[in-house]
Amino acid sequence: MARRQRNRVKTKKGMWIVILVTVIVCGALLYGRAELNNKEKALAAEQLRLEQSIEDAKAESKELDNQKSYMQTDEYVEEVAREKLGMVKDDEILFRAGDK
């Protein structure tokens, strides 16, 4: 009978050890999952920020392409010649206001 009682005590101790280990493993898994969820949210926010940055860069690139195309036209060359260099066409007269 003493042997049975010792076996029961050993079995109960073993069962409590298994339960404790199981609880610890479950706790670690839940903690890891929470950490992964937080990281996933942070990465999703970063992805949205980067996608917006890409869209902004594409819009800026398109604007620069349009400006480049405009700068290659005769209209742009004439505009720069008139505004920055003060040039006029042969049949035009330039009037300037004098200083008082």
C-alpha atoms as a PDB file:
ATOM      1  CA  MET A   1       0.000   0.000   0.000  1.00  0.00           C
ATOM      2  CA  ALA A   2       2.819   2.404   0.727  1.00  0.00           C
ATOM      3  CA  ARG A   3       4.046   1.820  -2.771  1.00  0.00           C
ATOM      4  CA  ARG A   4       0.667   2.842  -4.238  1.00  0.00           C
ATOM      5  CA  GLN A   5       0.607   5.936  -2.122  1.00  0.00           C
ATOM      6  CA  ARG A   6       4.105   6.912  -3.281  1.00  0.00           C
ATOM      7  CA  ASN A   7       3.107   6.294  -6.886  1.00  0.00           C
ATOM      8  CA  ARG A   8       0.038   8.520  -6.445  1.00  0.00           C
ATOM      9  CA  VAL A   9       2.161  11.295  -4.959  1.00  0.00           C
ATOM     10  CA  LYS A  10       4.639  10.970  -7.818  1.00  0.00           C
ATOM     11  CA  THR A  11       1.756  10.957 -10.313  1.00  0.00           C
ATOM     12  CA  LYS A  12       0.223  14.077  -8.755  1.00  0.00           C
ATOM     13  CA  LYS A  13       3.575  15.851  -8.727  1.00  0.00           C
ATOM     14  CA  GLY A  14       4.163  14.835 -12.336  1.00  0.00           C
ATOM     15  CA  MET A  15       0.706  16.048 -13.318  1.00  0.00           C
ATOM     16  CA  TRP A  16       1.279  19.436 -11.644  1.00  0.00           C
ATOM     17  CA  ILE A  17       4.630  19.777 -13.385  1.00  0.00           C
ATOM     18  CA  VAL A  18       3.014  19.028 -16.764  1.00  0.00           C
ATOM     19  CA  ILE A  19       0.233  21.563 -16.048  1.00  0.00           C
ATOM     20  CA  LEU A  20       2.769  24.195 -14.990  1.00  0.00           C
ATOM     21  CA  VAL A  21       4.896  23.642 -18.083  1.00  0.00           C
ATOM     22  CA  THR A  22       1.783  23.773 -20.281  1.00  0.00           C
ATOM     23  CA  VAL A  23       0.679  27.068 -18.708  1.00  0.00           C
ATOM     24  CA  ILE A  24       4.141  28.552 -19.157  1.00  0.00           C
ATOM     25  CA  VAL A  25       4.291  27.474 -22.822  1.00  0.00           C
ATOM     26  CA  CYS A  26       0.791  28.868 -23.478  1.00  0.00           C
ATOM     27  CA  GLY A  27       1.746  32.141 -21.811  1.00  0.00           C
ATOM     28  CA  ALA A  28       4.879  32.406 -23.918  1.00  0.00           C
ATOM     29  CA  LEU A  29       2.886  31.714 -27.077  1.00  0.00           C
ATOM     30  CA  LEU A  30       0.295  34.363 -26.220  1.00  0.00           C
ATOM     31  CA  TYR A  31       3.001  36.900 -25.466  1.00  0.00           C
ATOM     32  CA  GLY A  32       4.736  36.115 -28.750  1.00  0.00           C
ATOM     33  CA  ARG A  33       1.484  36.472 -30.637  1.00  0.00           C
ATOM     34  CA  ALA A  34       0.814  39.868 -29.061  1.00  0.00           C
ATOM     35  CA  GLU A  35       4.303  41.022 -30.021  1.00  0.00           C
ATOM     36  CA  LEU A  36       3.782  39.842 -33.594  1.00  0.00           C
ATOM     37  CA  ASN A  37       0.438  41.653 -33.790  1.00  0.00           C
ATOM     38  CA  ASN A  38       2.075  44.881 -32.628  1.00  0.00           C
ATOM     39  CA  LYS A  39       4.859  44.462 -35.137  1.00  0.00           C
ATOM     40  CA  GLU A  40       2.351  43.720 -37.907  1.00  0.00           C
ATOM     41  CA  LYS A  41       0.446  46.941 -37.133  1.00  0.00           C
ATOM     42  CA  ALA A  42       3.660  48.967 -37.148  1.00  0.00           C
ATOM     43  CA  LEU A  43       4.733  47.444 -40.463  1.00  0.00           C
ATOM     44  CA  ALA A  44       1.306  48.091 -41.995  1.00  0.00           C
ATOM     45  CA  ALA A  45       1.530  51.760 -40.973  1.00  0.00           C
ATOM     46  CA  GLU A  46       5.050  51.965 -42.412  1.00  0.00           C
ATOM     47  CA  GLN A  47       3.838  50.364 -45.645  1.00  0.00           C
ATOM     48  CA  LEU A  48       1.072  52.957 -45.989  1.00  0.00           C
ATOM     49  CA  ARG A  49       3.558  55.763 -45.366  1.00  0.00           C
ATOM     50  CA  LEU A  50       5.932  54.373 -47.978  1.00  0.00           C
ATOM     51  CA  GLU A  51       3.142  53.877 -50.518  1.00  0.00           C
ATOM     52  CA  GLN A  52       2.098  57.513 -50.039  1.00  0.00           C
ATOM     53  CA  SER A  53       5.710  58.562 -50.453  1.00  0.00           C
ATOM     54  CA  ILE A  54       5.903  56.584 -53.705  1.00  0.00           C
ATOM     55  CA  GLU A  55       2.719  58.248 -54.987  1.00  0.00           C
ATOM     56  CA  ASP A  56       4.133  61.675 -54.112  1.00  0.00           C
ATOM     57  CA  ALA A  57       7.385  60.867 -55.899  1.00  0.00           C
ATOM     58  CA  LYS A  58       5.489  59.659 -58.983  1.00  0.00           C
ATOM     59  CA  ALA A  59       3.433  62.861 -59.054  1.00  0.00           C
ATOM     60  CA  GLU A  60       6.583  64.972 -58.692  1.00  0.00           C
ATOM     61  CA  SER A  61       8.275  62.978 -61.446  1.00  0.00           C
ATOM     62  CA  LYS A  62       5.315  63.511 -63.756  1.00  0.00           C
ATOM     63  CA  GLU A  63       5.344  67.224 -62.983  1.00  0.00           C
ATOM     64  CA  LEU A  64       9.060  67.393 -63.766  1.00  0.00           C
ATOM     65  CA  ASP A  65       8.515  65.503 -67.030  1.00  0.00           C
ATOM     66  CA  ASN A  66       5.812  67.988 -68.002  1.00  0.00           C
ATOM     67  CA  GLN A  67       8.115  70.875 -67.124  1.00  0.00           C
ATOM     68  CA  LYS A  68      10.923  69.293 -69.151  1.00  0.00           C
ATOM     69  CA  SER A  69       8.616  68.922 -72.141  1.00  0.00           C
ATOM     70  CA  TYR A  70       7.512  72.547 -71.805  1.00  0.00           C
ATOM     71  CA  MET A  71      11.121  73.729 -71.571  1.00  0.00           C
ATOM     72  CA  GLN A  72      11.837  72.116 -74.932  1.00  0.00           C
ATOM     73  CA  THR A  73       9.164  74.175 -76.725  1.00  0.00           C
ATOM     74  CA  ASP A  74       9.665  77.401 -78.669  1.00  0.00           C
ATOM     75  CA  GLU A  75       7.093  79.058 -76.418  1.00  0.00           C
ATOM     76  CA  TYR A  76       9.336  78.541 -73.372  1.00  0.00           C
ATOM     77  CA  VAL A  77      12.438  79.776 -75.202  1.00  0.00           C
ATOM     78  CA  GLU A  78      10.568  82.914 -76.262  1.00  0.00           C
ATOM     79  CA  GLU A  79       9.260  83.479 -72.721  1.00  0.00           C
ATOM     80  CA  VAL A  80      12.759  83.221 -71.204  1.00  0.00           C
ATOM     81  CA  ALA A  81      14.221  85.464 -73.897  1.00  0.00           C
ATOM     82  CA  ARG A  82      11.607  88.133 -73.189  1.00  0.00           C
ATOM     83  CA  GLU A  83      11.543  87.963 -69.376  1.00  0.00           C
ATOM     84  CA  LYS A  84      15.119  87.217 -68.415  1.00  0.00           C
ATOM     85  CA  LEU A  85      17.123  88.560 -71.324  1.00  0.00           C
ATOM     86  CA  GLY A  86      14.872  91.507 -72.291  1.00  0.00           C
ATOM     87  CA  MET A  87      14.796  90.490 -75.951  1.00  0.00           C
ATOM     88  CA  VAL A  88      12.047  91.568 -78.383  1.00  0.00           C
ATOM     89  CA  LYS A  89      10.954  90.488 -81.833  1.00  0.00           C
ATOM     90  CA  ASP A  90      12.061  92.514 -84.862  1.00  0.00           C
ATOM     91  CA  ASP A  91       8.660  94.176 -85.322  1.00  0.00           C
ATOM     92  CA  GLU A  92       8.168  95.043 -81.634  1.00  0.00           C
ATOM     93  CA  ILE A  93       9.083  98.170 -79.681  1.00  0.00           C
ATOM     94  CA  LEU A  94      10.021  97.910 -76.021  1.00  0.00           C
ATOM     95  CA  PHE A  95       8.806 100.643 -73.679  1.00  0.00           C
ATOM     96  CA  ARG A  96      10.308 100.971 -70.206  1.00  0.00           C
ATOM     97  CA  ALA A  97       9.059 103.167 -67.437  1.00  0.00           C
ATOM     98  CA  GLY A  98      11.682 105.623 -66.318  1.00  0.00           C
ATOM     99  CA  ASP A  99      12.688 106.227 -62.712  1.00  0.00           C
ATOM    100  CA  LYS A 100      11.437 109.491 -61.154  1.00  0.00           C
END
